[in-house]
Amino acid sequence: MTERIRIGIVGDIGSHFLYLARWFFGEVSSVDCLSRSFIERADRPDGRPYERGEDSALITLEFTSGAYATVQSVRGVKVGESGPAAELPIPDDIWNGARRDNVHDRYRDIFRGSGAMIGDFVHAVRTRRPCDPDFAEGLRIQQLCDAADESAAASGVRLSV
């Protein structure tokens, strides 16, 4: 696998959906992905083109339980519950009091008004205390993103992870 800087939708949003999929359904055993770049972009101010990232991706996951999921919408049945499949809401404790009425306020509350993302991690390192999700979870999500990228580069071949 070649090293690449993740600049498209898999690393931007897909990583969060992969985290939620594992949180809802458990460990992932295989991944396949199809992705495409199709949005035209102007060149940089100096005339050089921007590196293209994927604009759209469809990731299919197989879990160790044998279940499958597509990372397109959050629908399914949580482990230990019976069907039918339904939209799985993001639990309130994950929102941590963020406003959800519009994207602008939600972004401001989550990424600027709280320790979400890097703030909690930096605090955990500084105080030498554990954080959740931890480094091992972040590494696993990175491995799944890498597998999705590798699969997409190979026209969607399914990869064991």
Protein backbone atom coordinates (compact mmCIF):
# COMPACT_ATOMS: atom_id res chain seq x y z
CA MET A 1 0.00 0.00 0.00
CA THR A 2 1.34 3.41 -0.89
CA GLU A 3 1.31 6.21 1.67
CA ARG A 4 -0.98 9.08 0.79
CA ILE A 5 -2.36 12.13 2.47
CA ARG A 6 -6.07 11.63 3.01
CA ILE A 7 -7.76 14.67 1.46
CA GLY A 8 -11.16 13.36 0.43
CA ILE A 9 -14.44 12.32 1.93
CA VAL A 10 -13.17 9.01 3.40
CA GLY A 11 -10.79 10.78 5.78
CA ASP A 12 -12.94 13.86 6.27
CA ILE A 13 -16.34 12.38 7.13
CA GLY A 14 -15.90 8.65 6.55
CA SER A 15 -13.63 8.30 9.57
CA HIS A 16 -16.44 9.54 11.84
CA PHE A 17 -18.98 7.19 10.26
CA LEU A 18 -16.55 4.28 10.61
CA TYR A 19 -16.15 5.10 14.29
CA LEU A 20 -19.92 5.18 14.77
CA ALA A 21 -20.38 1.92 12.83
CA ARG A 22 -17.91 0.15 15.14
CA TRP A 23 -19.55 1.75 18.17
CA PHE A 24 -22.99 0.51 17.08
CA PHE A 25 -22.13 -2.90 15.58
CA GLY A 26 -18.73 -4.07 16.85
CA GLU A 27 -15.47 -5.02 15.17
CA VAL A 28 -15.03 -4.87 11.40
CA SER A 29 -13.56 -7.88 9.60
CA SER A 30 -13.49 -6.61 6.00
CA VAL A 31 -13.91 -3.42 3.98
CA ASP A 32 -14.57 -2.54 0.38
CA CYS A 33 -14.90 0.91 -1.12
CA LEU A 34 -15.72 2.61 -4.38
CA SER A 35 -14.88 6.28 -4.68
CA ARG A 36 -14.90 8.95 -7.31
CA SER A 37 -13.75 12.54 -7.87
CA PHE A 38 -16.10 14.58 -10.03
CA ILE A 39 -16.25 18.16 -8.74
CA GLU A 40 -14.27 20.59 -10.89
CA ARG A 41 -11.92 22.83 -8.93
CA ALA A 42 -10.04 25.93 -10.00
CA ASP A 43 -6.26 25.89 -9.76
CA ARG A 44 -4.37 27.39 -6.83
CA PRO A 45 -3.66 31.13 -6.96
CA ASP A 46 -0.14 30.34 -8.23
CA GLY A 47 -1.59 28.31 -11.13
CA ARG A 48 -0.74 24.83 -9.81
CA PRO A 49 -3.64 22.35 -9.57
CA TYR A 50 -4.90 21.18 -6.20
CA GLU A 51 -4.42 17.50 -5.46
CA ARG A 52 -7.75 15.79 -6.02
CA GLY A 53 -9.49 13.87 -3.26
CA GLU A 54 -12.55 11.70 -3.65
CA ASP A 55 -15.85 13.60 -3.64
CA SER A 56 -18.01 10.55 -3.09
CA ALA A 57 -17.40 7.15 -1.55
CA LEU A 58 -19.43 4.05 -0.80
CA ILE A 59 -17.88 1.89 1.90
CA THR A 60 -19.20 -1.57 2.70
CA LEU A 61 -18.22 -3.13 6.01
CA GLU A 62 -18.48 -6.72 7.18
CA PHE A 63 -18.48 -7.17 10.95
CA THR A 64 -17.11 -10.15 12.85
CA SER A 65 -20.73 -11.02 13.66
CA GLY A 66 -21.30 -11.60 9.92
CA ALA A 67 -23.47 -8.48 9.50
CA TYR A 68 -22.89 -6.02 6.66
CA ALA A 69 -23.28 -2.25 6.61
CA THR A 70 -22.85 0.48 4.07
CA VAL A 71 -21.48 3.78 5.21
CA GLN A 72 -24.12 5.96 3.59
CA SER A 73 -26.79 6.25 6.23
CA VAL A 74 -27.01 5.21 9.84
CA ARG A 75 -29.69 2.50 9.78
CA GLY A 76 -29.59 -0.89 11.42
CA VAL A 77 -30.19 -2.78 14.62
CA LYS A 78 -27.88 -2.42 17.59
CA VAL A 79 -26.14 -5.51 18.96
CA GLY A 80 -28.50 -7.43 21.25
CA GLU A 81 -31.67 -5.81 19.88
CA SER A 82 -34.17 -7.27 17.42
CA GLY A 83 -35.32 -5.68 14.13
CA PRO A 84 -36.61 -4.26 12.02
CA ALA A 85 -33.78 -2.00 10.94
CA ALA A 86 -34.40 1.66 11.69
CA GLU A 87 -32.49 4.92 11.76
CA LEU A 88 -30.06 4.80 14.67
CA PRO A 89 -29.95 8.16 16.39
CA ILE A 90 -26.66 9.50 17.66
CA PRO A 91 -26.91 9.24 21.46
CA ASP A 92 -27.36 12.48 23.39
CA ASP A 93 -24.14 11.96 25.37
CA ILE A 94 -22.14 12.06 22.13
CA TRP A 95 -23.73 15.42 21.24
CA ASN A 96 -22.68 16.73 24.66
CA GLY A 97 -25.35 19.46 24.68
CA ALA A 98 -24.56 20.80 21.20
CA ARG A 99 -27.34 22.60 19.36
CA ARG A 100 -28.66 20.52 16.46
CA ASP A 101 -31.04 22.94 14.75
CA ASN A 102 -28.51 24.01 12.09
CA VAL A 103 -25.06 22.98 10.93
CA HIS A 104 -23.37 26.30 11.79
CA ASP A 105 -24.38 26.22 15.48
CA ARG A 106 -23.69 22.49 15.74
CA TYR A 107 -20.16 23.00 14.35
CA ARG A 108 -19.55 25.96 16.67
CA ASP A 109 -20.75 24.08 19.76
CA ILE A 110 -18.87 20.86 19.02
CA PHE A 111 -15.57 22.08 17.62
CA ARG A 112 -15.14 25.54 19.09
CA GLY A 113 -17.12 25.60 22.33
CA SER A 114 -16.05 22.26 23.77
CA GLY A 115 -13.01 20.06 23.99
CA ALA A 116 -14.29 17.83 21.18
CA MET A 117 -11.69 16.65 18.74
CA ILE A 118 -8.20 17.83 19.67
CA GLY A 119 -8.95 19.70 22.93
CA ASP A 120 -9.83 16.61 24.97
CA PHE A 121 -6.89 14.72 23.50
CA VAL A 122 -4.39 17.48 24.33
CA HIS A 123 -5.80 17.73 27.86
CA ALA A 124 -5.43 13.95 28.33
CA VAL A 125 -1.81 14.04 27.17
CA ARG A 126 -1.03 17.06 29.34
CA THR A 127 -2.58 15.49 32.46
CA ARG A 128 -1.42 11.95 31.61
CA ARG A 129 -4.99 10.64 31.90
CA PRO A 130 -6.86 8.34 29.54
CA CYS A 131 -9.25 9.75 26.95
CA ASP A 132 -12.14 8.26 25.03
CA PRO A 133 -11.85 7.50 22.22
CA ASP A 134 -8.26 6.60 22.88
CA PHE A 135 -5.20 6.30 20.67
CA ALA A 136 -5.87 2.61 19.93
CA GLU A 137 -9.38 3.45 18.68
CA GLY A 138 -8.00 6.26 16.51
CA LEU A 139 -5.39 3.88 15.08
CA ARG A 140 -8.09 1.31 14.26
CA ILE A 141 -10.19 3.91 12.46
CA GLN A 142 -7.09 5.01 10.53
CA GLN A 143 -6.50 1.37 9.52
CA LEU A 144 -10.09 1.14 8.24
CA CYS A 145 -9.70 4.40 6.28
CA ASP A 146 -6.45 3.08 4.78
CA ALA A 147 -8.21 -0.16 3.80
CA ALA A 148 -11.05 1.83 2.20
CA ASP A 149 -8.52 3.87 0.21
CA GLU A 150 -6.63 0.75 -0.84
CA SER A 151 -9.87 -0.97 -1.88
CA ALA A 152 -10.98 2.07 -3.91
CA ALA A 153 -7.60 2.15 -5.68
CA ALA A 154 -8.17 -1.52 -6.62
CA SER A 155 -11.69 -0.90 -8.02
CA GLY A 156 -13.52 -1.92 -4.86
CA VAL A 157 -11.84 -5.22 -4.00
CA ARG A 158 -12.86 -6.51 -0.55
CA LEU A 159 -9.99 -6.45 1.97
CA SER A 160 -9.71 -8.28 5.28
CA VAL A 161 -8.81 -5.93 8.10
